[in-house]
Amino acid sequence: FQRAMKCMHHMYFLADRILHLGFRQEDVEGEGEEYVVLLKELKTAVVAPVGDWFQIVGHTDEYEKKSYQRWDLFDRIVSVDGKSLNDIKEWQAMLTEQESRLKEVKCIRYPFGRVNSTEADERGWVFLERFITAVKVAMLDEL
């Protein structure tokens, strides 16, 4: 996704045609599924705040996927031992505490990250994309 974002501006200024299509949100298999893992299983996960929740956004260099691993990128961290996670520093402190490593972490699966339920017609960046397309067309000498 980050690679796509780095070259997105080229699409608007170098493409011959751009079609803006709305889409219908479809269910993704497993999305929203809750599961519980031990905190120690998440020691190689990189967790960051995303909006008002915490999400697995990557993994450390020591990461090696295990066959029994349940967590994956973009999954949401909901709670630790039934308590909501309020601060990323709290999460980092728990990872270093030996007694915390056996705490249960409740997660929710989001294979493509946080779902944006805002309709396409209400998304500001969609209007920006359309505006950029209009400016590009206006800058052309001839069609």
N, C-alpha and C. Protein backbone atom coordinates (compact mmCIF):
# COMPACT_ATOMS: atom_id res chain seq x y z
N PHE A 1 0.83 -1.20 0.00
CA PHE A 1 0.00 0.00 0.00
C PHE A 1 0.87 1.25 0.00
N GLN A 2 1.94 1.24 0.82
CA GLN A 2 2.81 2.41 0.87
C GLN A 2 3.49 2.64 -0.47
N ARG A 3 3.85 1.57 -1.15
CA ARG A 3 4.46 1.71 -2.47
C ARG A 3 3.48 2.37 -3.43
N ALA A 4 2.22 1.97 -3.34
CA ALA A 4 1.19 2.57 -4.21
C ALA A 4 1.02 4.05 -3.90
N MET A 5 1.02 4.41 -2.62
CA MET A 5 0.84 5.81 -2.24
C MET A 5 1.99 6.68 -2.74
N LYS A 6 3.21 6.13 -2.78
CA LYS A 6 4.36 6.92 -3.22
C LYS A 6 4.26 7.30 -4.70
N CYS A 7 3.60 6.48 -5.49
CA CYS A 7 3.51 6.79 -6.92
C CYS A 7 2.12 7.24 -7.35
N MET A 8 1.21 7.42 -6.40
CA MET A 8 -0.17 7.79 -6.72
C MET A 8 -0.24 9.10 -7.51
N HIS A 9 0.58 10.09 -7.16
CA HIS A 9 0.51 11.38 -7.85
C HIS A 9 0.84 11.23 -9.33
N HIS A 10 1.68 10.27 -9.69
CA HIS A 10 2.00 10.04 -11.10
C HIS A 10 0.76 9.61 -11.87
N MET A 11 -0.10 8.87 -11.21
CA MET A 11 -1.30 8.39 -11.87
C MET A 11 -2.15 9.55 -12.37
N TYR A 12 -2.26 10.61 -11.55
CA TYR A 12 -3.13 11.72 -11.92
C TYR A 12 -2.53 12.60 -13.00
N PHE A 13 -1.23 12.73 -13.02
CA PHE A 13 -0.62 13.64 -13.97
C PHE A 13 -0.02 12.97 -15.20
N LEU A 14 0.14 11.66 -15.18
CA LEU A 14 0.73 10.97 -16.32
C LEU A 14 -0.24 10.03 -17.03
N ALA A 15 -1.35 9.71 -16.40
CA ALA A 15 -2.30 8.77 -17.01
C ALA A 15 -3.10 9.47 -18.10
N ASP A 16 -3.49 8.73 -19.14
CA ASP A 16 -4.30 9.30 -20.21
C ASP A 16 -5.76 9.45 -19.79
N ARG A 17 -6.23 8.48 -19.02
CA ARG A 17 -7.63 8.51 -18.57
C ARG A 17 -7.70 8.00 -17.13
N ILE A 18 -8.62 8.59 -16.40
CA ILE A 18 -8.87 8.13 -15.04
C ILE A 18 -10.37 7.98 -14.86
N LEU A 19 -10.80 6.85 -14.40
CA LEU A 19 -12.21 6.61 -14.11
C LEU A 19 -12.39 6.59 -12.60
N HIS A 20 -13.36 7.34 -12.12
CA HIS A 20 -13.67 7.35 -10.68
C HIS A 20 -14.93 6.52 -10.48
N LEU A 21 -14.79 5.40 -9.82
CA LEU A 21 -15.90 4.49 -9.62
C LEU A 21 -16.22 4.34 -8.15
N GLY A 22 -17.49 4.35 -7.82
CA GLY A 22 -17.89 4.03 -6.46
C GLY A 22 -17.82 2.53 -6.29
N PHE A 23 -17.85 2.06 -5.07
CA PHE A 23 -17.84 0.61 -4.86
C PHE A 23 -18.74 0.27 -3.68
N ARG A 24 -19.13 -0.97 -3.65
CA ARG A 24 -19.95 -1.46 -2.56
C ARG A 24 -19.07 -2.28 -1.63
N GLN A 25 -19.10 -1.94 -0.36
CA GLN A 25 -18.29 -2.67 0.63
C GLN A 25 -18.78 -4.12 0.71
N GLU A 26 -17.89 -5.05 0.57
CA GLU A 26 -18.25 -6.46 0.65
C GLU A 26 -17.57 -7.08 1.87
N ASP A 27 -18.19 -8.10 2.40
CA ASP A 27 -17.62 -8.80 3.54
C ASP A 27 -16.35 -9.53 3.13
N VAL A 28 -15.37 -9.50 4.02
CA VAL A 28 -14.12 -10.21 3.81
C VAL A 28 -14.10 -11.38 4.79
N GLU A 29 -13.77 -12.54 4.30
CA GLU A 29 -13.77 -13.73 5.14
C GLU A 29 -12.87 -13.54 6.36
N GLY A 30 -13.41 -13.78 7.53
CA GLY A 30 -12.67 -13.68 8.78
C GLY A 30 -12.66 -12.29 9.39
N GLU A 31 -13.04 -11.28 8.63
CA GLU A 31 -13.01 -9.91 9.16
C GLU A 31 -14.00 -9.77 10.31
N GLY A 32 -13.52 -9.20 11.41
CA GLY A 32 -14.36 -9.02 12.59
C GLY A 32 -14.31 -10.19 13.55
N GLU A 33 -13.60 -11.25 13.19
CA GLU A 33 -13.47 -12.43 14.05
C GLU A 33 -12.62 -12.09 15.27
N GLU A 34 -13.14 -12.40 16.44
CA GLU A 34 -12.39 -12.15 17.68
C GLU A 34 -11.57 -13.38 18.04
N TYR A 35 -10.39 -13.14 18.61
CA TYR A 35 -9.54 -14.23 19.08
C TYR A 35 -8.69 -13.72 20.22
N VAL A 36 -8.13 -14.65 20.98
CA VAL A 36 -7.30 -14.30 22.14
C VAL A 36 -5.95 -14.97 21.99
N VAL A 37 -4.88 -14.21 22.26
CA VAL A 37 -3.52 -14.73 22.27
C VAL A 37 -2.83 -14.26 23.54
N LEU A 38 -1.76 -14.93 23.89
CA LEU A 38 -0.96 -14.47 25.03
C LEU A 38 -0.08 -13.30 24.58
N LEU A 39 0.14 -12.38 25.48
CA LEU A 39 0.95 -11.20 25.18
C LEU A 39 2.32 -11.60 24.63
N LYS A 40 2.91 -12.67 25.16
CA LYS A 40 4.24 -13.08 24.71
C LYS A 40 4.26 -13.46 23.23
N GLU A 41 3.10 -13.87 22.69
CA GLU A 41 3.03 -14.21 21.27
C GLU A 41 3.09 -12.98 20.37
N LEU A 42 2.85 -11.81 20.97
CA LEU A 42 2.86 -10.56 20.21
C LEU A 42 4.16 -9.78 20.38
N LYS A 43 5.17 -10.43 20.94
CA LYS A 43 6.43 -9.70 21.22
C LYS A 43 7.12 -9.21 19.96
N THR A 44 6.87 -9.84 18.80
CA THR A 44 7.49 -9.38 17.56
C THR A 44 6.55 -8.54 16.71
N ALA A 45 5.35 -8.26 17.24
CA ALA A 45 4.39 -7.42 16.53
C ALA A 45 4.67 -5.95 16.83
N VAL A 46 4.56 -5.12 15.83
CA VAL A 46 4.66 -3.67 16.03
C VAL A 46 3.25 -3.13 16.09
N VAL A 47 2.91 -2.52 17.22
CA VAL A 47 1.56 -2.01 17.45
C VAL A 47 1.62 -0.49 17.47
N ALA A 48 0.62 0.14 16.84
CA ALA A 48 0.57 1.60 16.80
C ALA A 48 -0.88 2.07 16.92
N PRO A 49 -1.08 3.28 17.45
CA PRO A 49 -2.44 3.82 17.48
C PRO A 49 -2.89 4.19 16.07
N VAL A 50 -4.10 3.79 15.72
CA VAL A 50 -4.71 4.14 14.43
C VAL A 50 -6.09 4.68 14.76
N GLY A 51 -6.23 5.98 14.68
CA GLY A 51 -7.47 6.60 15.12
C GLY A 51 -7.64 6.39 16.61
N ASP A 52 -8.76 5.83 17.00
CA ASP A 52 -9.03 5.61 18.42
C ASP A 52 -8.82 4.16 18.85
N TRP A 53 -8.07 3.40 18.08
CA TRP A 53 -7.76 2.02 18.49
C TRP A 53 -6.30 1.71 18.22
N PHE A 54 -5.88 0.51 18.64
CA PHE A 54 -4.50 0.07 18.45
C PHE A 54 -4.50 -1.08 17.46
N GLN A 55 -3.53 -1.05 16.54
CA GLN A 55 -3.51 -2.00 15.44
C GLN A 55 -2.10 -2.52 15.24
N ILE A 56 -2.01 -3.78 14.81
CA ILE A 56 -0.72 -4.37 14.45
C ILE A 56 -0.35 -3.81 13.08
N VAL A 57 0.75 -3.05 13.02
CA VAL A 57 1.12 -2.38 11.78
C VAL A 57 2.40 -2.93 11.15
N GLY A 58 3.03 -3.87 11.82
CA GLY A 58 4.26 -4.45 11.28
C GLY A 58 4.83 -5.47 12.24
N HIS A 59 6.07 -5.84 12.01
CA HIS A 59 6.74 -6.78 12.91
C HIS A 59 8.22 -6.42 12.99
N THR A 60 8.84 -6.87 14.06
CA THR A 60 10.25 -6.57 14.29
C THR A 60 11.14 -7.46 13.41
N ASP A 61 12.43 -7.18 13.43
CA ASP A 61 13.38 -7.97 12.65
C ASP A 61 13.46 -9.42 13.14
N GLU A 62 13.14 -9.65 14.41
CA GLU A 62 13.20 -11.01 14.97
C GLU A 62 11.99 -11.86 14.57
N TYR A 63 11.06 -11.27 13.85
CA TYR A 63 9.82 -11.95 13.49
C TYR A 63 10.08 -13.16 12.59
N GLU A 64 9.42 -14.25 12.92
CA GLU A 64 9.42 -15.44 12.09
C GLU A 64 8.05 -16.07 12.25
N LYS A 65 7.29 -16.13 11.17
CA LYS A 65 5.92 -16.63 11.27
C LYS A 65 5.91 -18.09 11.70
N LYS A 66 5.12 -18.37 12.72
CA LYS A 66 4.97 -19.73 13.24
C LYS A 66 3.67 -20.32 12.71
N SER A 67 3.61 -21.62 12.58
CA SER A 67 2.42 -22.27 12.05
C SER A 67 1.21 -22.07 12.97
N TYR A 68 1.45 -21.89 14.26
CA TYR A 68 0.35 -21.72 15.22
C TYR A 68 -0.03 -20.25 15.43
N GLN A 69 0.66 -19.34 14.77
CA GLN A 69 0.42 -17.91 14.97
C GLN A 69 -0.99 -17.53 14.55
N ARG A 70 -1.69 -16.80 15.41
CA ARG A 70 -3.04 -16.37 15.10
C ARG A 70 -3.09 -14.92 14.64
N TRP A 71 -2.18 -14.08 15.13
CA TRP A 71 -2.24 -12.66 14.78
C TRP A 71 -1.65 -12.40 13.41
N ASP A 72 -2.08 -11.30 12.81
CA ASP A 72 -1.55 -10.92 11.51
C ASP A 72 -1.57 -9.40 11.39
N LEU A 73 -0.95 -8.91 10.34
CA LEU A 73 -0.93 -7.47 10.11
C LEU A 73 -2.35 -6.91 10.06
N PHE A 74 -2.51 -5.72 10.59
CA PHE A 74 -3.73 -4.93 10.57
C PHE A 74 -4.79 -5.38 11.57
N ASP A 75 -4.52 -6.44 12.35
CA ASP A 75 -5.49 -6.85 13.37
C ASP A 75 -5.53 -5.81 14.48
N ARG A 76 -6.68 -5.68 15.09
CA ARG A 76 -6.90 -4.69 16.15
C ARG A 76 -6.64 -5.32 17.51
N ILE A 77 -5.94 -4.59 18.38
CA ILE A 77 -5.75 -4.99 19.77
C ILE A 77 -6.89 -4.34 20.57
N VAL A 78 -7.74 -5.14 21.18
CA VAL A 78 -8.91 -4.62 21.89
C VAL A 78 -8.64 -4.42 23.37
N SER A 79 -8.09 -5.46 24.01
CA SER A 79 -7.87 -5.37 25.45
C SER A 79 -6.78 -6.34 25.88
N VAL A 80 -6.24 -6.07 27.09
CA VAL A 80 -5.26 -6.95 27.70
C VAL A 80 -5.81 -7.34 29.06
N ASP A 81 -6.03 -8.65 29.25
CA ASP A 81 -6.67 -9.17 30.47
C ASP A 81 -7.97 -8.44 30.80
N GLY A 82 -8.75 -8.17 29.76
CA GLY A 82 -10.06 -7.55 29.94
C GLY A 82 -10.06 -6.04 30.10
N LYS A 83 -8.87 -5.42 30.15
CA LYS A 83 -8.79 -3.97 30.30
C LYS A 83 -8.42 -3.32 28.97
N SER A 84 -9.12 -2.26 28.62
CA SER A 84 -8.84 -1.55 27.37
C SER A 84 -7.43 -0.98 27.38
N LEU A 85 -6.83 -0.96 26.23
CA LEU A 85 -5.52 -0.37 26.07
C LEU A 85 -5.72 1.11 25.79
N ASN A 86 -5.11 1.98 26.62
CA ASN A 86 -5.33 3.41 26.48
C ASN A 86 -4.13 4.18 25.96
N ASP A 87 -2.95 3.59 26.04
CA ASP A 87 -1.74 4.33 25.71
C ASP A 87 -0.71 3.35 25.14
N ILE A 88 -0.01 3.77 24.10
CA ILE A 88 0.99 2.90 23.48
C ILE A 88 2.15 2.64 24.44
N LYS A 89 2.44 3.59 25.33
CA LYS A 89 3.51 3.39 26.32
C LYS A 89 3.13 2.27 27.29
N GLU A 90 1.85 2.18 27.59
CA GLU A 90 1.35 1.10 28.45
C GLU A 90 1.62 -0.26 27.78
N TRP A 91 1.36 -0.34 26.48
CA TRP A 91 1.61 -1.57 25.71
C TRP A 91 3.09 -1.92 25.74
N GLN A 92 3.94 -0.96 25.47
CA GLN A 92 5.38 -1.20 25.43
C GLN A 92 5.92 -1.64 26.80
N ALA A 93 5.38 -1.05 27.86
CA ALA A 93 5.80 -1.44 29.22
C ALA A 93 5.41 -2.88 29.51
N MET A 94 4.21 -3.28 29.10
CA MET A 94 3.76 -4.66 29.33
C MET A 94 4.65 -5.67 28.62
N LEU A 95 5.14 -5.32 27.44
CA LEU A 95 6.00 -6.23 26.68
C LEU A 95 7.31 -6.51 27.40
N THR A 96 7.78 -5.56 28.18
CA THR A 96 9.05 -5.75 28.88
C THR A 96 8.90 -6.39 30.25
N GLU A 97 7.69 -6.36 30.82
CA GLU A 97 7.47 -6.95 32.15
C GLU A 97 7.30 -8.46 32.01
N GLN A 98 8.10 -9.20 32.72
CA GLN A 98 8.07 -10.66 32.64
C GLN A 98 6.70 -11.21 33.05
N GLU A 99 6.11 -10.68 34.14
CA GLU A 99 4.82 -11.21 34.62
C GLU A 99 3.67 -10.88 33.67
N SER A 100 3.83 -9.88 32.81
CA SER A 100 2.77 -9.51 31.87
C SER A 100 2.70 -10.44 30.67
N ARG A 101 3.77 -11.16 30.41
CA ARG A 101 3.85 -11.96 29.19
C ARG A 101 2.78 -13.05 29.08
N LEU A 102 2.16 -13.43 30.21
CA LEU A 102 1.12 -14.46 30.18
C LEU A 102 -0.29 -13.86 30.18
N LYS A 103 -0.38 -12.55 30.05
CA LYS A 103 -1.69 -11.90 29.99
C LYS A 103 -2.35 -12.23 28.66
N GLU A 104 -3.69 -12.29 28.70
CA GLU A 104 -4.45 -12.58 27.48
C GLU A 104 -4.78 -11.29 26.75
N VAL A 105 -4.54 -11.30 25.45
CA VAL A 105 -4.80 -10.14 24.60
C VAL A 105 -5.94 -10.48 23.66
N LYS A 106 -7.01 -9.69 23.75
CA LYS A 106 -8.14 -9.89 22.85
C LYS A 106 -7.92 -9.06 21.59
N CYS A 107 -8.04 -9.72 20.46
CA CYS A 107 -7.81 -9.08 19.17
C CYS A 107 -9.02 -9.30 18.25
N ILE A 108 -9.11 -8.46 17.23
CA ILE A 108 -10.13 -8.64 16.19
C ILE A 108 -9.41 -8.60 14.85
N ARG A 109 -9.75 -9.55 14.02
CA ARG A 109 -9.10 -9.70 12.71
C ARG A 109 -9.63 -8.65 11.72
N TYR A 110 -8.68 -7.93 11.10
CA TYR A 110 -8.98 -6.98 10.02
C TYR A 110 -7.92 -7.17 8.94
N PRO A 111 -8.14 -8.10 7.99
CA PRO A 111 -7.12 -8.44 6.99
C PRO A 111 -6.63 -7.25 6.15
N PHE A 112 -7.48 -6.24 5.97
CA PHE A 112 -7.10 -5.07 5.18
C PHE A 112 -7.08 -3.80 6.02
N GLY A 113 -6.97 -3.94 7.32
CA GLY A 113 -6.92 -2.79 8.21
C GLY A 113 -8.30 -2.27 8.55
N ARG A 114 -8.29 -1.13 9.18
CA ARG A 114 -9.54 -0.51 9.64
C ARG A 114 -10.44 -0.22 8.45
N VAL A 115 -11.69 -0.63 8.56
CA VAL A 115 -12.65 -0.48 7.48
C VAL A 115 -13.17 0.96 7.46
N ASN A 116 -13.13 1.58 6.30
CA ASN A 116 -13.67 2.93 6.14
C ASN A 116 -15.08 2.79 5.59
N SER A 117 -16.07 3.05 6.42
CA SER A 117 -17.46 2.87 6.02
C SER A 117 -18.07 4.14 5.44
N THR A 118 -17.27 5.19 5.26
CA THR A 118 -17.76 6.43 4.67
C THR A 118 -18.05 6.21 3.19
N GLU A 119 -19.23 6.61 2.75
CA GLU A 119 -19.59 6.46 1.34
C GLU A 119 -18.61 7.25 0.47
N ALA A 120 -18.36 6.77 -0.74
CA ALA A 120 -17.40 7.41 -1.64
C ALA A 120 -17.75 8.87 -1.91
N ASP A 121 -19.04 9.18 -2.02
CA ASP A 121 -19.46 10.56 -2.30
C ASP A 121 -19.20 11.50 -1.13
N GLU A 122 -18.92 10.95 0.05
CA GLU A 122 -18.69 11.78 1.23
C GLU A 122 -17.21 11.84 1.62
N ARG A 123 -16.35 11.23 0.84
CA ARG A 123 -14.92 11.21 1.15
C ARG A 123 -14.23 12.40 0.49
N GLY A 124 -13.64 13.25 1.30
CA GLY A 124 -13.00 14.46 0.79
C GLY A 124 -11.91 14.19 -0.22
N TRP A 125 -11.11 13.14 0.00
CA TRP A 125 -10.01 12.88 -0.93
C TRP A 125 -10.51 12.43 -2.29
N VAL A 126 -11.71 11.84 -2.36
CA VAL A 126 -12.26 11.47 -3.66
C VAL A 126 -12.54 12.73 -4.46
N PHE A 127 -13.08 13.76 -3.79
CA PHE A 127 -13.32 15.02 -4.47
C PHE A 127 -12.01 15.68 -4.89
N LEU A 128 -10.96 15.55 -4.06
CA LEU A 128 -9.65 16.08 -4.42
C LEU A 128 -9.12 15.38 -5.66
N GLU A 129 -9.27 14.06 -5.72
CA GLU A 129 -8.82 13.31 -6.89
C GLU A 129 -9.55 13.78 -8.14
N ARG A 130 -10.85 14.01 -8.01
CA ARG A 130 -11.63 14.47 -9.16
C ARG A 130 -11.21 15.88 -9.57
N PHE A 131 -10.93 16.72 -8.59
CA PHE A 131 -10.47 18.08 -8.87
C PHE A 131 -9.14 18.05 -9.60
N ILE A 132 -8.22 17.21 -9.13
CA ILE A 132 -6.91 17.11 -9.79
C ILE A 132 -7.08 16.65 -11.23
N THR A 133 -7.99 15.72 -11.46
CA THR A 133 -8.25 15.25 -12.82
C THR A 133 -8.77 16.40 -13.68
N ALA A 134 -9.67 17.20 -13.13
CA ALA A 134 -10.22 18.33 -13.88
C ALA A 134 -9.13 19.35 -14.20
N VAL A 135 -8.24 19.62 -13.25
CA VAL A 135 -7.14 20.56 -13.48
C VAL A 135 -6.22 20.03 -14.57
N LYS A 136 -5.94 18.75 -14.53
CA LYS A 136 -5.08 18.14 -15.55
C LYS A 136 -5.68 18.34 -16.95
N VAL A 137 -6.97 18.09 -17.05
CA VAL A 137 -7.64 18.24 -18.35
C VAL A 137 -7.59 19.71 -18.78
N ALA A 138 -7.82 20.63 -17.84
CA ALA A 138 -7.79 22.04 -18.17
C ALA A 138 -6.41 22.50 -18.63
N MET A 139 -5.37 21.84 -18.20
CA MET A 139 -4.00 22.22 -18.55
C MET A 139 -3.58 21.68 -19.93
N LEU A 140 -4.36 20.78 -20.49
CA LEU A 140 -4.01 20.20 -21.80
C LEU A 140 -4.17 21.24 -22.91
N ASP A 141 -3.27 21.21 -23.87
CA ASP A 141 -3.38 22.11 -25.03
C ASP A 141 -4.53 21.69 -25.93
N GLU A 142 -4.57 20.40 -26.22
CA GLU A 142 -5.61 19.86 -27.09
C GLU A 142 -6.04 18.51 -26.57
N LEU A 143 -7.25 18.14 -26.90
CA LEU A 143 -7.73 16.80 -26.54
C LEU A 143 -7.57 15.87 -27.70
